[in-house]
Amino acid sequence: MKKRILLICIAISICVLAISQKKFNNSQFTLISYVCSVDARIDKELSNFDAYINCTPPKGTDKVITMMTHSVFSMVKDRLETMLNIYMPPVNSFQDYAKYDAFGYPDILIQKAIKKGDSKYYLKIIANIETETGLPSNSNNADLKPQIKVTLEIYSKEGYVPVKVAEGVSAATSPLSNEPGVITNLNFVKLPDDKKLQDVNSIKILILEAIDAAITKLQY
C-alpha cells in the first residue's frame, strides 16, 4: 500500500512539473517595457569599433548602446519563440496608448496594458551589460570582463503582480577582446570576413547564454 501511494505521489509530481513546464508554451507575450543598460567602460571600449556599426543612433545615445539595445531584444524574442513557441506582436502594438523610448520600445503600466491589450501574458525585459563584479572603476580596459544579466518578468492578464520572474547571468572567463571581431553578428555590425570571430569568442554568445538561462528558469 505504501509503495502504491509513493508511486501515485511521484506520478502526480511528474504531471504537475510537466504542466508547469508548458505553462507559457504556445502563448502570446506582449512587450510592455524594455531597458538595456551598458556599463560606461564597456561602451567606451566598444566605441573603438564604431566604424563597423552601421546605424544612426537616436539623440542622446551612441552606436554601441543602439547596437546592444536592439541586439539583446532581437535575441530575447528569437529565443522565446524558439524555446517556448510563443508569439510576440510588434513592439508598437499598443500604438498611441503607450509611451515609447528613443529606440521604439514601449513603456506602459501593466494596468493599462491589461485594459488595452488582449494577450494572455505581458513581458518586461531588463538587460544589464556590466563588468565583472568588484572590478575597480579605474581598472585598465584590458582587464574588463563582461557580465550579462537578463531578467524576464511575466505578467498575466489576470493581475498586476508578476506571475514569474527569471534572471539569467553569464560572465566572460577572459578580458574583453580589443579586436572588432568581439561584436561579430550583433545588429548593425558590418565586419570583413577576416575580422569576424567565432561566436564562442564574441559578446553575442554571452548574451545568448544569459537569455537561455533566464528562459530555462521560466519553465520551472
N, C-alpha and C. Protein backbone atom coordinates (compact mmCIF):
# COMPACT_ATOMS: atom_id res chain seq x y z
N MET A 1 0.83 -1.21 0.00
CA MET A 1 0.00 0.00 0.00
C MET A 1 0.86 1.26 0.00
N LYS A 2 1.87 1.28 0.90
CA LYS A 2 2.73 2.44 0.99
C LYS A 2 3.47 2.66 -0.33
N LYS A 3 3.90 1.54 -0.94
CA LYS A 3 4.61 1.64 -2.20
C LYS A 3 3.70 2.20 -3.29
N ARG A 4 2.43 1.77 -3.27
CA ARG A 4 1.47 2.26 -4.27
C ARG A 4 1.22 3.75 -4.09
N ILE A 5 1.09 4.19 -2.84
CA ILE A 5 0.87 5.61 -2.55
C ILE A 5 2.07 6.43 -3.01
N LEU A 6 3.28 5.89 -2.76
CA LEU A 6 4.50 6.59 -3.17
C LEU A 6 4.54 6.75 -4.68
N LEU A 7 4.17 5.68 -5.41
CA LEU A 7 4.17 5.73 -6.86
C LEU A 7 3.15 6.74 -7.39
N ILE A 8 2.00 6.79 -6.71
CA ILE A 8 0.96 7.75 -7.11
C ILE A 8 1.46 9.18 -6.90
N CYS A 9 2.12 9.42 -5.76
CA CYS A 9 2.65 10.77 -5.46
C CYS A 9 3.70 11.18 -6.49
N ILE A 10 4.55 10.23 -6.85
CA ILE A 10 5.58 10.52 -7.85
C ILE A 10 4.93 10.86 -9.20
N ALA A 11 3.91 10.08 -9.56
CA ALA A 11 3.21 10.31 -10.84
C ALA A 11 2.56 11.69 -10.86
N ILE A 12 1.94 12.05 -9.73
CA ILE A 12 1.30 13.37 -9.64
C ILE A 12 2.34 14.48 -9.77
N SER A 13 3.47 14.30 -9.10
CA SER A 13 4.54 15.31 -9.14
C SER A 13 5.04 15.50 -10.56
N ILE A 14 5.20 14.39 -11.27
CA ILE A 14 5.68 14.46 -12.65
C ILE A 14 4.67 15.20 -13.52
N CYS A 15 3.39 14.93 -13.31
CA CYS A 15 2.34 15.60 -14.09
C CYS A 15 2.32 17.10 -13.81
N VAL A 16 2.43 17.46 -12.54
CA VAL A 16 2.44 18.88 -12.16
C VAL A 16 3.64 19.58 -12.78
N LEU A 17 4.81 18.92 -12.74
CA LEU A 17 6.01 19.50 -13.31
C LEU A 17 5.85 19.69 -14.81
N ALA A 18 5.29 18.68 -15.48
CA ALA A 18 5.11 18.77 -16.93
C ALA A 18 4.18 19.91 -17.29
N ILE A 19 3.11 20.08 -16.50
CA ILE A 19 2.17 21.18 -16.76
C ILE A 19 2.84 22.52 -16.55
N SER A 20 3.63 22.66 -15.47
CA SER A 20 4.28 23.93 -15.18
C SER A 20 5.31 24.28 -16.24
N GLN A 21 5.98 23.23 -16.78
CA GLN A 21 6.97 23.47 -17.81
C GLN A 21 6.34 24.02 -19.07
N LYS A 22 5.07 23.68 -19.31
CA LYS A 22 4.40 24.10 -20.54
C LYS A 22 3.47 25.28 -20.30
N LYS A 23 3.56 25.87 -19.13
CA LYS A 23 2.63 26.94 -18.76
C LYS A 23 2.62 28.08 -19.77
N PHE A 24 3.81 28.46 -20.24
CA PHE A 24 3.90 29.61 -21.14
C PHE A 24 3.99 29.21 -22.61
N ASN A 25 4.11 27.92 -22.88
CA ASN A 25 4.25 27.48 -24.26
C ASN A 25 3.04 27.85 -25.11
N ASN A 26 3.31 28.20 -26.36
CA ASN A 26 2.25 28.48 -27.34
C ASN A 26 1.35 29.64 -26.90
N SER A 27 1.92 30.59 -26.16
CA SER A 27 1.16 31.75 -25.71
C SER A 27 1.61 33.00 -26.45
N GLN A 28 0.85 34.06 -26.26
CA GLN A 28 1.25 35.36 -26.81
C GLN A 28 1.84 36.21 -25.70
N PHE A 29 3.02 36.74 -25.93
CA PHE A 29 3.69 37.63 -24.99
C PHE A 29 3.76 39.02 -25.63
N THR A 30 3.17 40.00 -24.99
CA THR A 30 3.24 41.37 -25.50
C THR A 30 4.20 42.18 -24.63
N LEU A 31 5.15 42.83 -25.27
CA LEU A 31 6.15 43.62 -24.56
C LEU A 31 5.52 44.88 -23.98
N ILE A 32 5.76 45.12 -22.66
CA ILE A 32 5.26 46.35 -22.05
C ILE A 32 6.40 47.28 -21.61
N SER A 33 7.61 46.72 -21.48
CA SER A 33 8.74 47.54 -21.06
C SER A 33 10.05 46.82 -21.37
N TYR A 34 11.03 47.59 -21.78
CA TYR A 34 12.35 47.01 -22.07
C TYR A 34 13.42 48.06 -21.79
N VAL A 35 14.38 47.67 -20.95
CA VAL A 35 15.50 48.55 -20.63
C VAL A 35 16.80 47.77 -20.81
N CYS A 36 17.74 48.35 -21.52
CA CYS A 36 19.05 47.75 -21.69
C CYS A 36 20.11 48.78 -21.29
N SER A 37 20.86 48.48 -20.24
CA SER A 37 21.90 49.40 -19.78
C SER A 37 23.27 48.82 -20.09
N VAL A 38 24.19 49.69 -20.47
CA VAL A 38 25.54 49.28 -20.85
C VAL A 38 26.54 50.02 -19.97
N ASP A 39 27.39 49.29 -19.30
CA ASP A 39 28.43 49.88 -18.46
C ASP A 39 29.26 50.87 -19.28
N ALA A 40 29.54 52.03 -18.68
CA ALA A 40 30.24 53.09 -19.40
C ALA A 40 31.61 52.65 -19.91
N ARG A 41 32.28 51.77 -19.17
CA ARG A 41 33.61 51.32 -19.60
C ARG A 41 33.52 50.39 -20.79
N ILE A 42 32.50 49.55 -20.81
CA ILE A 42 32.31 48.68 -21.97
C ILE A 42 31.88 49.52 -23.18
N ASP A 43 31.01 50.49 -22.94
CA ASP A 43 30.58 51.40 -24.01
C ASP A 43 31.80 52.09 -24.64
N LYS A 44 32.67 52.59 -23.80
CA LYS A 44 33.85 53.30 -24.29
C LYS A 44 34.77 52.37 -25.08
N GLU A 45 34.96 51.16 -24.57
CA GLU A 45 35.85 50.22 -25.24
C GLU A 45 35.29 49.80 -26.60
N LEU A 46 34.01 49.48 -26.65
CA LEU A 46 33.41 49.04 -27.90
C LEU A 46 33.24 50.18 -28.90
N SER A 47 33.25 51.41 -28.41
CA SER A 47 33.14 52.56 -29.31
C SER A 47 34.34 52.67 -30.25
N ASN A 48 35.41 51.96 -29.91
CA ASN A 48 36.57 51.93 -30.81
C ASN A 48 36.22 51.27 -32.14
N PHE A 49 35.10 50.55 -32.16
CA PHE A 49 34.71 49.83 -33.37
C PHE A 49 33.50 50.47 -34.05
N ASP A 50 33.25 51.74 -33.75
CA ASP A 50 32.10 52.44 -34.32
C ASP A 50 32.06 52.37 -35.85
N ALA A 51 33.22 52.32 -36.48
CA ALA A 51 33.28 52.30 -37.94
C ALA A 51 32.61 51.07 -38.52
N TYR A 52 32.48 50.04 -37.71
CA TYR A 52 31.86 48.79 -38.18
C TYR A 52 30.39 48.67 -37.79
N ILE A 53 29.87 49.67 -37.07
CA ILE A 53 28.48 49.64 -36.63
C ILE A 53 27.67 50.58 -37.53
N ASN A 54 26.87 50.01 -38.38
CA ASN A 54 26.18 50.76 -39.43
C ASN A 54 24.78 51.18 -38.98
N CYS A 55 24.71 52.21 -38.15
CA CYS A 55 23.42 52.71 -37.70
C CYS A 55 23.54 54.18 -37.32
N THR A 56 22.39 54.83 -37.26
CA THR A 56 22.33 56.22 -36.80
C THR A 56 21.66 56.21 -35.43
N PRO A 57 22.42 56.44 -34.36
CA PRO A 57 21.83 56.35 -33.01
C PRO A 57 20.86 57.49 -32.73
N PRO A 58 19.82 57.23 -31.95
CA PRO A 58 18.91 58.31 -31.54
C PRO A 58 19.67 59.38 -30.75
N LYS A 59 19.14 60.55 -30.72
CA LYS A 59 19.76 61.65 -29.99
C LYS A 59 19.93 61.28 -28.52
N GLY A 60 21.12 61.54 -27.99
CA GLY A 60 21.39 61.26 -26.59
C GLY A 60 21.95 59.89 -26.34
N THR A 61 22.09 59.08 -27.40
CA THR A 61 22.68 57.76 -27.26
C THR A 61 23.91 57.67 -28.17
N ASP A 62 24.44 56.47 -28.36
CA ASP A 62 25.56 56.29 -29.27
C ASP A 62 25.40 54.98 -30.02
N LYS A 63 26.33 54.68 -30.89
CA LYS A 63 26.22 53.48 -31.72
C LYS A 63 26.27 52.19 -30.89
N VAL A 64 27.12 52.17 -29.87
CA VAL A 64 27.25 50.95 -29.06
C VAL A 64 25.95 50.65 -28.33
N ILE A 65 25.38 51.66 -27.68
CA ILE A 65 24.14 51.46 -26.94
C ILE A 65 23.00 51.06 -27.88
N THR A 66 22.95 51.68 -29.06
CA THR A 66 21.93 51.33 -30.05
C THR A 66 22.11 49.88 -30.50
N MET A 67 23.34 49.51 -30.79
CA MET A 67 23.65 48.14 -31.21
C MET A 67 23.26 47.13 -30.14
N MET A 68 23.65 47.39 -28.90
CA MET A 68 23.38 46.44 -27.82
C MET A 68 21.89 46.35 -27.52
N THR A 69 21.21 47.49 -27.50
CA THR A 69 19.78 47.50 -27.19
C THR A 69 18.98 46.65 -28.17
N HIS A 70 19.19 46.89 -29.45
CA HIS A 70 18.44 46.14 -30.46
C HIS A 70 18.90 44.68 -30.55
N SER A 71 20.18 44.45 -30.33
CA SER A 71 20.70 43.07 -30.40
C SER A 71 20.09 42.20 -29.30
N VAL A 72 20.10 42.71 -28.07
CA VAL A 72 19.57 41.93 -26.95
C VAL A 72 18.09 41.63 -27.16
N PHE A 73 17.32 42.63 -27.56
CA PHE A 73 15.90 42.38 -27.76
C PHE A 73 15.67 41.35 -28.86
N SER A 74 16.38 41.49 -29.96
CA SER A 74 16.21 40.53 -31.07
C SER A 74 16.49 39.11 -30.61
N MET A 75 17.52 38.96 -29.77
CA MET A 75 17.88 37.63 -29.29
C MET A 75 16.86 37.08 -28.30
N VAL A 76 16.37 37.94 -27.40
CA VAL A 76 15.33 37.50 -26.45
C VAL A 76 14.09 37.04 -27.22
N LYS A 77 13.66 37.83 -28.17
CA LYS A 77 12.48 37.48 -28.97
C LYS A 77 12.68 36.17 -29.71
N ASP A 78 13.82 36.03 -30.34
CA ASP A 78 14.10 34.82 -31.11
C ASP A 78 14.14 33.58 -30.22
N ARG A 79 14.78 33.69 -29.06
CA ARG A 79 14.91 32.53 -28.17
C ARG A 79 13.58 32.17 -27.52
N LEU A 80 12.77 33.17 -27.17
CA LEU A 80 11.44 32.88 -26.63
C LEU A 80 10.59 32.15 -27.66
N GLU A 81 10.64 32.63 -28.89
CA GLU A 81 9.85 32.00 -29.95
C GLU A 81 10.33 30.58 -30.23
N THR A 82 11.65 30.38 -30.12
CA THR A 82 12.22 29.06 -30.41
C THR A 82 12.02 28.09 -29.25
N MET A 83 12.31 28.54 -28.02
CA MET A 83 12.29 27.63 -26.87
C MET A 83 10.89 27.39 -26.32
N LEU A 84 10.02 28.41 -26.40
CA LEU A 84 8.68 28.27 -25.83
C LEU A 84 7.57 28.30 -26.88
N ASN A 85 7.97 28.51 -28.13
CA ASN A 85 7.00 28.57 -29.22
C ASN A 85 5.93 29.62 -28.97
N ILE A 86 6.37 30.77 -28.46
CA ILE A 86 5.42 31.85 -28.18
C ILE A 86 5.39 32.82 -29.37
N TYR A 87 4.38 33.66 -29.37
CA TYR A 87 4.25 34.70 -30.40
C TYR A 87 4.36 36.06 -29.74
N MET A 88 5.18 36.95 -30.31
CA MET A 88 5.29 38.32 -29.82
C MET A 88 4.85 39.27 -30.91
N PRO A 89 3.78 40.02 -30.66
CA PRO A 89 3.33 41.01 -31.65
C PRO A 89 4.34 42.14 -31.77
N PRO A 90 4.22 42.99 -32.77
CA PRO A 90 5.14 44.12 -32.93
C PRO A 90 5.22 44.97 -31.67
N VAL A 91 6.39 45.56 -31.43
CA VAL A 91 6.60 46.32 -30.19
C VAL A 91 5.72 47.57 -30.12
N ASN A 92 5.21 48.01 -31.25
CA ASN A 92 4.35 49.20 -31.26
C ASN A 92 2.87 48.85 -31.27
N SER A 93 2.54 47.63 -30.83
CA SER A 93 1.15 47.16 -30.92
C SER A 93 0.18 47.96 -30.05
N PHE A 94 0.70 48.67 -29.06
CA PHE A 94 -0.19 49.50 -28.22
C PHE A 94 -0.49 50.84 -28.88
N GLN A 95 0.20 51.13 -29.95
CA GLN A 95 0.01 52.37 -30.70
C GLN A 95 0.09 53.59 -29.77
N ASP A 96 -0.91 54.45 -29.79
CA ASP A 96 -0.86 55.69 -29.00
C ASP A 96 -1.15 55.48 -27.52
N TYR A 97 -1.51 54.27 -27.12
CA TYR A 97 -1.82 54.03 -25.71
C TYR A 97 -0.57 53.93 -24.85
N ALA A 98 0.60 53.76 -25.49
CA ALA A 98 1.85 53.60 -24.73
C ALA A 98 2.84 54.70 -25.10
N LYS A 99 3.76 54.93 -24.17
CA LYS A 99 4.90 55.79 -24.46
C LYS A 99 6.00 54.89 -25.04
N TYR A 100 6.85 55.47 -25.86
CA TYR A 100 7.93 54.70 -26.48
C TYR A 100 9.26 55.42 -26.26
N ASP A 101 10.31 54.61 -26.01
CA ASP A 101 11.62 55.22 -25.79
C ASP A 101 12.27 55.60 -27.12
N ALA A 102 13.49 56.09 -27.05
CA ALA A 102 14.18 56.57 -28.24
C ALA A 102 14.40 55.48 -29.28
N PHE A 103 14.37 54.21 -28.83
CA PHE A 103 14.61 53.08 -29.72
C PHE A 103 13.32 52.46 -30.25
N GLY A 104 12.17 52.99 -29.79
CA GLY A 104 10.89 52.49 -30.27
C GLY A 104 10.26 51.41 -29.42
N TYR A 105 10.80 51.17 -28.22
CA TYR A 105 10.25 50.13 -27.35
C TYR A 105 9.24 50.74 -26.38
N PRO A 106 8.15 50.03 -26.07
CA PRO A 106 7.08 50.60 -25.25
C PRO A 106 7.43 50.68 -23.77
N ASP A 107 6.78 51.58 -23.10
CA ASP A 107 6.86 51.70 -21.65
C ASP A 107 5.45 52.01 -21.17
N ILE A 108 4.73 50.97 -20.78
CA ILE A 108 3.33 51.11 -20.40
C ILE A 108 3.08 50.33 -19.11
N LEU A 109 2.31 50.89 -18.21
CA LEU A 109 1.98 50.22 -16.96
C LEU A 109 1.17 48.96 -17.25
N ILE A 110 1.39 47.95 -16.45
CA ILE A 110 0.68 46.68 -16.67
C ILE A 110 -0.83 46.88 -16.56
N GLN A 111 -1.27 47.76 -15.66
CA GLN A 111 -2.70 48.01 -15.51
C GLN A 111 -3.31 48.49 -16.83
N LYS A 112 -2.59 49.41 -17.48
CA LYS A 112 -3.09 49.96 -18.74
C LYS A 112 -2.97 48.94 -19.86
N ALA A 113 -1.88 48.15 -19.81
CA ALA A 113 -1.68 47.13 -20.85
C ALA A 113 -2.80 46.10 -20.82
N ILE A 114 -3.19 45.67 -19.61
CA ILE A 114 -4.27 44.69 -19.48
C ILE A 114 -5.58 45.26 -20.01
N LYS A 115 -5.80 46.53 -19.73
CA LYS A 115 -7.04 47.18 -20.15
C LYS A 115 -7.11 47.33 -21.67
N LYS A 116 -5.97 47.65 -22.28
CA LYS A 116 -5.96 47.93 -23.72
C LYS A 116 -5.58 46.73 -24.58
N GLY A 117 -4.88 45.75 -23.98
CA GLY A 117 -4.39 44.63 -24.76
C GLY A 117 -5.29 43.41 -24.70
N ASP A 118 -4.90 42.38 -25.45
CA ASP A 118 -5.68 41.14 -25.46
C ASP A 118 -4.79 39.91 -25.32
N SER A 119 -3.55 40.10 -24.85
CA SER A 119 -2.63 38.98 -24.68
C SER A 119 -2.93 38.21 -23.40
N LYS A 120 -2.51 36.95 -23.39
CA LYS A 120 -2.61 36.16 -22.17
C LYS A 120 -1.52 36.57 -21.19
N TYR A 121 -0.34 36.95 -21.75
CA TYR A 121 0.80 37.34 -20.91
C TYR A 121 1.44 38.61 -21.44
N TYR A 122 2.06 39.35 -20.49
CA TYR A 122 2.77 40.58 -20.82
C TYR A 122 4.20 40.46 -20.30
N LEU A 123 5.13 41.05 -21.04
CA LEU A 123 6.55 40.83 -20.77
C LEU A 123 7.31 42.12 -20.52
N LYS A 124 8.12 42.08 -19.47
CA LYS A 124 9.06 43.17 -19.18
C LYS A 124 10.47 42.59 -19.23
N ILE A 125 11.37 43.26 -19.95
CA ILE A 125 12.74 42.79 -20.10
C ILE A 125 13.70 43.82 -19.51
N ILE A 126 14.61 43.34 -18.69
CA ILE A 126 15.67 44.20 -18.13
C ILE A 126 17.01 43.54 -18.45
N ALA A 127 17.85 44.24 -19.18
CA ALA A 127 19.17 43.70 -19.55
C ALA A 127 20.26 44.62 -19.06
N ASN A 128 21.28 44.03 -18.47
CA ASN A 128 22.43 44.80 -17.99
C ASN A 128 23.71 44.23 -18.57
N ILE A 129 24.44 45.07 -19.31
CA ILE A 129 25.74 44.69 -19.85
C ILE A 129 26.76 45.32 -18.93
N GLU A 130 27.30 44.53 -18.01
CA GLU A 130 28.12 45.05 -16.94
C GLU A 130 29.56 44.57 -17.05
N THR A 131 30.38 45.02 -16.10
CA THR A 131 31.73 44.49 -15.97
C THR A 131 31.76 43.55 -14.77
N GLU A 132 32.80 42.79 -14.69
CA GLU A 132 32.96 41.83 -13.60
C GLU A 132 32.73 42.48 -12.24
N THR A 133 31.94 41.85 -11.39
CA THR A 133 31.64 42.38 -10.07
C THR A 133 32.92 42.60 -9.28
N GLY A 134 33.01 43.80 -8.66
CA GLY A 134 34.17 44.08 -7.82
C GLY A 134 35.33 44.70 -8.54
N LEU A 135 35.22 44.86 -9.87
CA LEU A 135 36.32 45.46 -10.62
C LEU A 135 36.36 46.96 -10.33
N PRO A 136 37.50 47.50 -9.88
CA PRO A 136 37.60 48.92 -9.57
C PRO A 136 37.27 49.79 -10.78
N SER A 137 36.66 50.95 -10.54
CA SER A 137 36.24 51.82 -11.63
C SER A 137 37.40 52.35 -12.44
N ASN A 138 38.62 52.34 -11.84
CA ASN A 138 39.78 52.86 -12.55
C ASN A 138 40.60 51.74 -13.19
N SER A 139 40.02 50.56 -13.30
CA SER A 139 40.73 49.43 -13.89
C SER A 139 41.06 49.70 -15.36
N ASN A 140 42.16 49.14 -15.80
CA ASN A 140 42.55 49.24 -17.20
C ASN A 140 41.53 48.49 -18.05
N ASN A 141 41.19 49.06 -19.22
CA ASN A 141 40.21 48.41 -20.08
C ASN A 141 40.61 47.01 -20.48
N ALA A 142 41.91 46.75 -20.45
CA ALA A 142 42.38 45.41 -20.81
C ALA A 142 41.91 44.36 -19.81
N ASP A 143 41.47 44.82 -18.63
CA ASP A 143 41.01 43.89 -17.59
C ASP A 143 39.50 43.67 -17.60
N LEU A 144 38.79 44.37 -18.48
CA LEU A 144 37.34 44.30 -18.47
C LEU A 144 36.82 42.92 -18.87
N LYS A 145 36.01 42.33 -18.00
CA LYS A 145 35.36 41.07 -18.29
C LYS A 145 33.85 41.30 -18.26
N PRO A 146 33.20 41.24 -19.41
CA PRO A 146 31.76 41.50 -19.46
C PRO A 146 30.96 40.48 -18.65
N GLN A 147 29.90 40.98 -18.05
CA GLN A 147 28.94 40.13 -17.36
C GLN A 147 27.55 40.54 -17.81
N ILE A 148 26.78 39.58 -18.26
CA ILE A 148 25.46 39.88 -18.81
C ILE A 148 24.37 39.38 -17.85
N LYS A 149 23.40 40.24 -17.56
CA LYS A 149 22.25 39.85 -16.76
C LYS A 149 20.98 40.16 -17.55
N VAL A 150 20.13 39.18 -17.69
CA VAL A 150 18.86 39.36 -18.39
C VAL A 150 17.74 38.90 -17.46
N THR A 151 16.82 39.81 -17.17
CA THR A 151 15.68 39.49 -16.30
C THR A 151 14.40 39.57 -17.10
N LEU A 152 13.59 38.53 -17.00
CA LEU A 152 12.30 38.47 -17.66
C LEU A 152 11.20 38.46 -16.62
N GLU A 153 10.30 39.42 -16.69
CA GLU A 153 9.15 39.48 -15.78
C GLU A 153 7.88 39.20 -16.60
N ILE A 154 7.16 38.18 -16.19
CA ILE A 154 5.95 37.79 -16.90
C ILE A 154 4.72 38.17 -16.08
N TYR A 155 3.80 38.88 -16.71
CA TYR A 155 2.55 39.27 -16.07
C TYR A 155 1.39 38.57 -16.78
N SER A 156 0.39 38.21 -16.00
CA SER A 156 -0.81 37.59 -16.56
C SER A 156 -1.87 38.66 -16.78
N LYS A 157 -2.79 38.39 -17.69
CA LYS A 157 -3.90 39.30 -17.92
C LYS A 157 -4.84 39.34 -16.72
N GLU A 158 -4.60 38.43 -15.74
CA GLU A 158 -5.48 38.34 -14.58
C GLU A 158 -5.06 39.21 -13.41
N GLY A 159 -3.85 39.82 -13.46
CA GLY A 159 -3.41 40.58 -12.30
C GLY A 159 -2.21 41.47 -12.58
N TYR A 160 -1.85 42.28 -11.57
CA TYR A 160 -0.82 43.29 -11.74
C TYR A 160 0.53 42.90 -11.14
N VAL A 161 0.60 41.73 -10.54
CA VAL A 161 1.85 41.24 -9.94
C VAL A 161 2.45 40.19 -10.87
N PRO A 162 3.78 40.20 -11.07
CA PRO A 162 4.39 39.20 -11.96
C PRO A 162 4.05 37.78 -11.52
N VAL A 163 3.70 36.94 -12.47
CA VAL A 163 3.45 35.54 -12.16
C VAL A 163 4.76 34.74 -12.20
N LYS A 164 5.77 35.34 -12.80
CA LYS A 164 7.08 34.67 -12.87
C LYS A 164 8.15 35.71 -13.15
N VAL A 165 9.26 35.61 -12.41
CA VAL A 165 10.43 36.45 -12.65
C VAL A 165 11.63 35.53 -12.77
N ALA A 166 12.36 35.64 -13.86
CA ALA A 166 13.51 34.76 -14.09
C ALA A 166 14.71 35.58 -14.52
N GLU A 167 15.85 35.31 -13.91
CA GLU A 167 17.08 36.02 -14.26
C GLU A 167 18.13 35.05 -14.76
N GLY A 168 18.78 35.41 -15.83
CA GLY A 168 19.88 34.63 -16.37
C GLY A 168 21.15 35.46 -16.35
N VAL A 169 22.25 34.83 -15.97
CA VAL A 169 23.53 35.54 -15.87
C VAL A 169 24.61 34.76 -16.59
N SER A 170 25.45 35.47 -17.28
CA SER A 170 26.63 34.85 -17.89
C SER A 170 27.81 35.78 -17.70
N ALA A 171 28.99 35.23 -17.61
CA ALA A 171 30.19 36.05 -17.38
C ALA A 171 31.34 35.54 -18.24
N ALA A 172 32.11 36.49 -18.78
CA ALA A 172 33.27 36.13 -19.58
C ALA A 172 34.35 35.55 -18.68
N THR A 173 35.07 34.59 -19.19
CA THR A 173 36.17 33.99 -18.44
C THR A 173 37.50 34.65 -18.76
N SER A 174 37.48 35.53 -19.77
CA SER A 174 38.71 36.25 -20.14
C SER A 174 38.35 37.71 -20.45
N PRO A 175 39.31 38.62 -20.41
CA PRO A 175 39.02 40.03 -20.66
C PRO A 175 38.43 40.28 -22.04
N LEU A 176 37.73 41.39 -22.15
CA LEU A 176 37.12 41.81 -23.40
C LEU A 176 38.17 41.94 -24.49
N SER A 177 37.90 41.33 -25.63
CA SER A 177 38.85 41.42 -26.74
C SER A 177 38.96 42.84 -27.25
N ASN A 178 40.17 43.23 -27.63
CA ASN A 178 40.36 44.57 -28.20
C ASN A 178 40.34 44.54 -29.72
N GLU A 179 39.78 43.46 -30.27
CA GLU A 179 39.62 43.32 -31.72
C GLU A 179 38.15 43.53 -32.09
N PRO A 180 37.89 44.11 -33.26
CA PRO A 180 36.49 44.37 -33.67
C PRO A 180 35.64 43.11 -33.76
N GLY A 181 36.29 41.96 -33.91
CA GLY A 181 35.53 40.72 -34.01
C GLY A 181 34.69 40.42 -32.79
N VAL A 182 34.94 41.09 -31.67
CA VAL A 182 34.17 40.84 -30.45
C VAL A 182 32.69 41.19 -30.64
N ILE A 183 32.38 42.06 -31.62
CA ILE A 183 30.98 42.43 -31.88
C ILE A 183 30.39 41.66 -33.07
N THR A 184 31.04 40.59 -33.44
CA THR A 184 30.57 39.75 -34.56
C THR A 184 29.10 39.35 -34.39
N ASN A 185 28.33 39.54 -35.47
CA ASN A 185 26.93 39.09 -35.56
C ASN A 185 25.96 39.85 -34.66
N LEU A 186 26.36 40.98 -34.13
CA LEU A 186 25.40 41.83 -33.43
C LEU A 186 24.68 42.70 -34.45
N ASN A 187 23.53 43.26 -34.07
CA ASN A 187 22.75 44.08 -35.00
C ASN A 187 23.57 45.26 -35.52
N PHE A 188 23.40 45.54 -36.79
CA PHE A 188 24.02 46.68 -37.49
C PHE A 188 25.52 46.51 -37.74
N VAL A 189 26.11 45.41 -37.33
CA VAL A 189 27.56 45.23 -37.47
C VAL A 189 27.91 44.71 -38.86
N LYS A 190 28.82 45.41 -39.50
CA LYS A 190 29.34 45.01 -40.81
C LYS A 190 30.85 44.83 -40.69
N LEU A 191 31.27 43.58 -40.63
CA LEU A 191 32.70 43.27 -40.48
C LEU A 191 33.21 42.50 -41.70
N PRO A 192 34.43 42.81 -42.14
CA PRO A 192 35.04 41.97 -43.17
C PRO A 192 35.23 40.56 -42.62
N ASP A 193 35.19 39.57 -43.48
CA ASP A 193 35.30 38.18 -43.04
C ASP A 193 36.55 37.92 -42.22
N ASP A 194 37.63 38.59 -42.56
CA ASP A 194 38.89 38.32 -41.86
C ASP A 194 38.94 38.92 -40.46
N LYS A 195 37.92 39.72 -40.10
CA LYS A 195 37.88 40.32 -38.76
C LYS A 195 36.82 39.66 -37.87
N LYS A 196 36.03 38.76 -38.44
CA LYS A 196 34.98 38.11 -37.66
C LYS A 196 35.57 37.05 -36.73
N LEU A 197 34.93 36.90 -35.56
CA LEU A 197 35.31 35.86 -34.62
C LEU A 197 34.23 34.79 -34.58
N GLN A 198 34.60 33.61 -34.15
CA GLN A 198 33.59 32.61 -33.88
C GLN A 198 32.71 33.10 -32.73
N ASP A 199 31.42 32.71 -32.74
CA ASP A 199 30.51 33.17 -31.70
C ASP A 199 31.02 32.87 -30.29
N VAL A 200 31.78 31.79 -30.14
CA VAL A 200 32.24 31.42 -28.81
C VAL A 200 33.18 32.47 -28.22
N ASN A 201 33.72 33.35 -29.07
CA ASN A 201 34.63 34.38 -28.60
C ASN A 201 34.01 35.78 -28.64
N SER A 202 32.72 35.85 -28.86
CA SER A 202 32.08 37.15 -29.02
C SER A 202 31.13 37.46 -27.88
N ILE A 203 30.72 38.73 -27.83
CA ILE A 203 29.75 39.15 -26.82
C ILE A 203 28.40 38.46 -27.07
N LYS A 204 28.10 38.18 -28.31
CA LYS A 204 26.81 37.57 -28.64
C LYS A 204 26.59 36.28 -27.87
N ILE A 205 27.60 35.44 -27.78
CA ILE A 205 27.42 34.16 -27.10
C ILE A 205 27.15 34.36 -25.63
N LEU A 206 27.75 35.39 -25.01
CA LEU A 206 27.48 35.69 -23.60
C LEU A 206 26.03 36.10 -23.40
N ILE A 207 25.55 36.94 -24.32
CA ILE A 207 24.16 37.38 -24.24
C ILE A 207 23.21 36.19 -24.38
N LEU A 208 23.48 35.33 -25.34
CA LEU A 208 22.62 34.16 -25.54
C LEU A 208 22.63 33.23 -24.34
N GLU A 209 23.78 33.07 -23.70
CA GLU A 209 23.86 32.22 -22.51
C GLU A 209 22.97 32.76 -21.40
N ALA A 210 23.00 34.09 -21.20
CA ALA A 210 22.17 34.70 -20.16
C ALA A 210 20.69 34.57 -20.49
N ILE A 211 20.34 34.80 -21.75
CA ILE A 211 18.95 34.69 -22.18
C ILE A 211 18.43 33.27 -22.00
N ASP A 212 19.21 32.30 -22.46
CA ASP A 212 18.79 30.90 -22.35
C ASP A 212 18.62 30.47 -20.90
N ALA A 213 19.50 30.98 -20.02
CA ALA A 213 19.40 30.65 -18.60
C ALA A 213 18.10 31.20 -18.02
N ALA A 214 17.73 32.43 -18.41
CA ALA A 214 16.50 33.03 -17.90
C ALA A 214 15.28 32.27 -18.42
N ILE A 215 15.26 31.96 -19.72
CA ILE A 215 14.11 31.26 -20.29
C ILE A 215 13.96 29.87 -19.69
N THR A 216 15.07 29.20 -19.44
CA THR A 216 15.01 27.88 -18.80
C THR A 216 14.33 27.97 -17.44
N LYS A 217 14.64 29.03 -16.70
CA LYS A 217 14.02 29.20 -15.37
C LYS A 217 12.52 29.48 -15.50
N LEU A 218 12.11 30.06 -16.60
CA LEU A 218 10.67 30.31 -16.80
C LEU A 218 9.89 29.02 -16.85
N GLN A 219 10.54 27.96 -17.24
CA GLN A 219 9.85 26.70 -17.45
C GLN A 219 9.70 25.86 -16.18
N TYR A 220 10.23 26.38 -15.05
CA TYR A 220 10.16 25.61 -13.80
C TYR A 220 9.57 26.45 -12.69
